[in-house]
């Protein structure tokens, strides 16, 4: 009797594992079928970034074929900016400045976290260079921590960061 229970339990565990694997692969396939903008919007923690991309006129660009690597600041990262900074940047007269900041978060190509960790710098779409470092096993982009790497999108990859990156002054 004991061997029948063991076989049943093993079979049940295998079935549950198989269902979970199929379910998970379906979720990943759906996530990677969306472009960078739609993937970020669906995540729910990038409302400010989405608004800024729209104000800067960059939505269509990041919905393009790419590939792009985006170091995406969360809503909490934008909240760390000094009071009034974001509101000022979202004004139509500051569209160019906002676009320069946002394109400083984008690197051409599809760069995974494993590749990022081997870099010391990365040239952005903006033309300026990001400093890349690894401290205590954590990847940093300038002074921002990568808090969630490798979110796949159909046209690139998103790495979530905990601060807004500001390009160097010219």
Protein backbone atom coordinates (compact mmCIF):
# COMPACT_ATOMS: atom_id res chain seq x y z
CA UNK A 1 0.00 0.00 0.00
CA UNK A 2 2.82 2.37 0.89
CA UNK A 3 4.42 2.07 -2.59
CA UNK A 4 1.09 2.92 -4.30
CA UNK A 5 0.78 6.08 -2.17
CA UNK A 6 4.38 7.03 -2.95
CA UNK A 7 3.81 6.51 -6.69
CA UNK A 8 0.57 8.51 -6.54
CA UNK A 9 2.25 11.36 -4.64
CA UNK A 10 5.17 11.41 -7.10
CA UNK A 11 2.73 11.42 -10.05
CA UNK A 12 0.66 14.22 -8.50
CA UNK A 13 3.82 16.27 -7.87
CA UNK A 14 4.94 15.75 -11.48
CA UNK A 15 1.53 16.84 -12.80
CA UNK A 16 1.51 19.96 -10.60
CA UNK A 17 5.07 20.82 -11.71
CA UNK A 18 4.13 20.35 -15.37
CA UNK A 19 1.00 22.54 -15.03
CA UNK A 20 3.05 25.22 -13.24
CA UNK A 21 5.76 25.11 -15.93
CA UNK A 22 3.21 25.47 -18.75
CA UNK A 23 1.48 28.29 -16.88
CA UNK A 24 4.75 30.10 -16.24
CA UNK A 25 5.98 29.73 -19.82
CA UNK A 26 2.68 31.18 -21.04
CA UNK A 27 3.13 34.18 -18.75
CA UNK A 28 6.67 34.76 -19.97
CA UNK A 29 5.63 34.43 -23.60
CA UNK A 30 2.89 37.03 -23.11
CA UNK A 31 5.28 39.42 -21.36
CA UNK A 32 7.86 39.19 -24.13
CA UNK A 33 5.23 39.68 -26.85
CA UNK A 34 4.66 43.23 -25.59
CA UNK A 35 6.99 46.09 -26.46
CA UNK A 36 8.97 48.00 -23.83
CA UNK A 37 6.29 50.66 -23.29
CA UNK A 38 3.41 48.18 -22.93
CA UNK A 39 5.50 45.92 -20.68
CA UNK A 40 6.34 48.86 -18.40
CA UNK A 41 2.73 50.07 -18.29
CA UNK A 42 1.48 46.55 -17.49
CA UNK A 43 3.94 46.32 -14.57
CA UNK A 44 2.09 49.14 -12.79
CA UNK A 45 5.12 50.76 -11.16
CA UNK A 46 6.13 52.97 -14.08
CA UNK A 47 3.18 55.40 -14.37
CA UNK A 48 5.45 58.42 -14.03
CA UNK A 49 7.88 57.06 -16.62
CA UNK A 50 5.00 56.41 -19.03
CA UNK A 51 3.71 59.97 -18.54
CA UNK A 52 7.18 61.38 -19.07
CA UNK A 53 7.70 59.32 -22.25
CA UNK A 54 4.41 60.67 -23.59
CA UNK A 55 5.29 64.28 -22.68
CA UNK A 56 8.70 63.91 -24.36
CA UNK A 57 7.23 62.36 -27.51
CA UNK A 58 9.22 59.13 -27.08
CA UNK A 59 6.43 56.54 -26.85
CA UNK A 60 6.50 55.69 -30.57
CA UNK A 61 10.29 55.39 -30.51
CA UNK A 62 10.26 52.86 -27.66
CA UNK A 63 7.42 51.00 -29.33
CA UNK A 64 9.65 50.68 -32.42
CA UNK A 65 11.60 47.63 -33.49
CA UNK A 66 14.67 48.37 -31.34
CA UNK A 67 16.24 46.52 -29.75
CA UNK A 68 16.61 48.79 -26.74
CA UNK A 69 17.84 48.33 -23.20
CA UNK A 70 15.99 50.60 -20.80
CA UNK A 71 17.11 51.37 -17.27
CA UNK A 72 13.63 52.18 -16.00
CA UNK A 73 13.14 54.25 -12.86
CA UNK A 74 10.08 53.34 -10.81
CA UNK A 75 7.44 55.79 -9.62
CA UNK A 76 9.24 55.74 -6.24
CA UNK A 77 12.49 56.73 -8.00
CA UNK A 78 10.79 59.75 -9.60
CA UNK A 79 9.35 60.67 -6.20
CA UNK A 80 12.92 61.07 -4.89
CA UNK A 81 13.54 64.03 -7.22
CA UNK A 82 13.54 67.44 -5.53
CA UNK A 83 10.06 68.94 -5.13
CA UNK A 84 8.75 70.52 -8.32
CA UNK A 85 11.42 69.00 -10.59
CA UNK A 86 9.15 66.50 -12.30
CA UNK A 87 6.30 68.99 -12.73
CA UNK A 88 8.75 71.43 -14.30
CA UNK A 89 10.15 68.81 -16.67
CA UNK A 90 6.67 67.79 -17.83
CA UNK A 91 5.91 71.31 -19.08
CA UNK A 92 5.80 71.57 -22.90
CA UNK A 93 8.60 74.14 -22.94
CA UNK A 94 10.93 71.58 -21.30
CA UNK A 95 10.23 68.76 -23.78
CA UNK A 96 13.84 68.75 -25.07
CA UNK A 97 15.34 68.60 -21.59
CA UNK A 98 12.94 65.81 -20.60
CA UNK A 99 13.78 63.86 -23.78
CA UNK A 100 17.51 64.23 -23.03
CA UNK A 101 17.00 62.81 -19.52
CA UNK A 102 14.83 59.92 -20.71
CA UNK A 103 17.12 58.94 -23.59
CA UNK A 104 19.95 58.87 -21.05
CA UNK A 105 18.15 55.80 -19.63
CA UNK A 106 18.25 53.95 -22.97
CA UNK A 107 21.14 51.97 -24.45
CA UNK A 108 20.93 50.68 -28.03
CA UNK A 109 20.76 46.90 -28.30
CA UNK A 110 19.48 44.09 -26.13
CA UNK A 111 21.85 44.04 -23.13
CA UNK A 112 21.11 41.44 -20.45
CA UNK A 113 22.13 41.81 -16.82
CA UNK A 114 24.94 39.30 -17.33
CA UNK A 115 26.34 41.53 -20.09
CA UNK A 116 25.74 44.75 -18.13
CA UNK A 117 27.66 43.36 -15.14
CA UNK A 118 30.76 42.95 -17.34
CA UNK A 119 30.71 46.57 -18.52
CA UNK A 120 32.31 49.63 -16.97
CA UNK A 121 30.34 52.06 -19.09
CA UNK A 122 27.59 52.15 -21.69
CA UNK A 123 26.86 54.76 -24.33
CA UNK A 124 23.23 55.88 -24.27
CA UNK A 125 20.88 56.93 -27.04
CA UNK A 126 21.34 60.45 -25.69
CA UNK A 127 25.05 60.22 -26.59
CA UNK A 128 26.30 60.48 -23.01
CA UNK A 129 27.91 57.57 -21.16
CA UNK A 130 26.56 55.72 -18.14
CA UNK A 131 28.98 54.43 -15.52
CA UNK A 132 28.42 50.74 -14.70
CA UNK A 133 29.80 49.10 -11.57
CA UNK A 134 29.21 46.10 -9.35
CA UNK A 135 29.31 46.51 -5.56
CA UNK A 136 28.63 43.61 -3.20
CA UNK A 137 27.08 41.67 -6.07
CA UNK A 138 24.69 44.51 -6.98
CA UNK A 139 24.85 46.17 -10.37
CA UNK A 140 24.82 49.95 -10.27
CA UNK A 141 24.16 52.35 -13.12
CA UNK A 142 25.74 55.64 -12.06
CA UNK A 143 24.34 55.91 -8.50
CA UNK A 144 21.21 53.82 -9.12
CA UNK A 145 20.84 50.20 -8.06
CA UNK A 146 19.41 47.73 -10.54
CA UNK A 147 16.63 46.31 -8.37
CA UNK A 148 15.06 43.98 -10.93
CA UNK A 149 16.99 42.96 -14.04
CA UNK A 150 16.03 41.30 -17.31
CA UNK A 151 12.36 42.04 -17.86
CA UNK A 152 11.99 40.89 -21.44
CA UNK A 153 10.00 42.79 -24.04
CA UNK A 154 9.48 42.12 -27.73
CA UNK A 155 11.86 44.93 -28.67
CA UNK A 156 14.45 44.75 -25.90
CA UNK A 157 14.94 44.43 -22.18
CA UNK A 158 14.10 46.50 -19.10
CA UNK A 159 16.24 46.74 -15.98
CA UNK A 160 14.40 48.39 -13.09
CA UNK A 161 16.42 51.01 -11.20
CA UNK A 162 15.77 52.89 -7.96
CA UNK A 163 16.78 56.40 -9.06
CA UNK A 164 16.36 58.74 -12.00
CA UNK A 165 19.58 59.10 -13.97
CA UNK A 166 20.57 62.64 -14.88
CA UNK A 167 22.93 63.18 -17.79
CA UNK A 168 26.11 65.10 -17.16
CA UNK A 169 26.02 68.82 -17.90
CA UNK A 170 27.52 69.73 -21.25
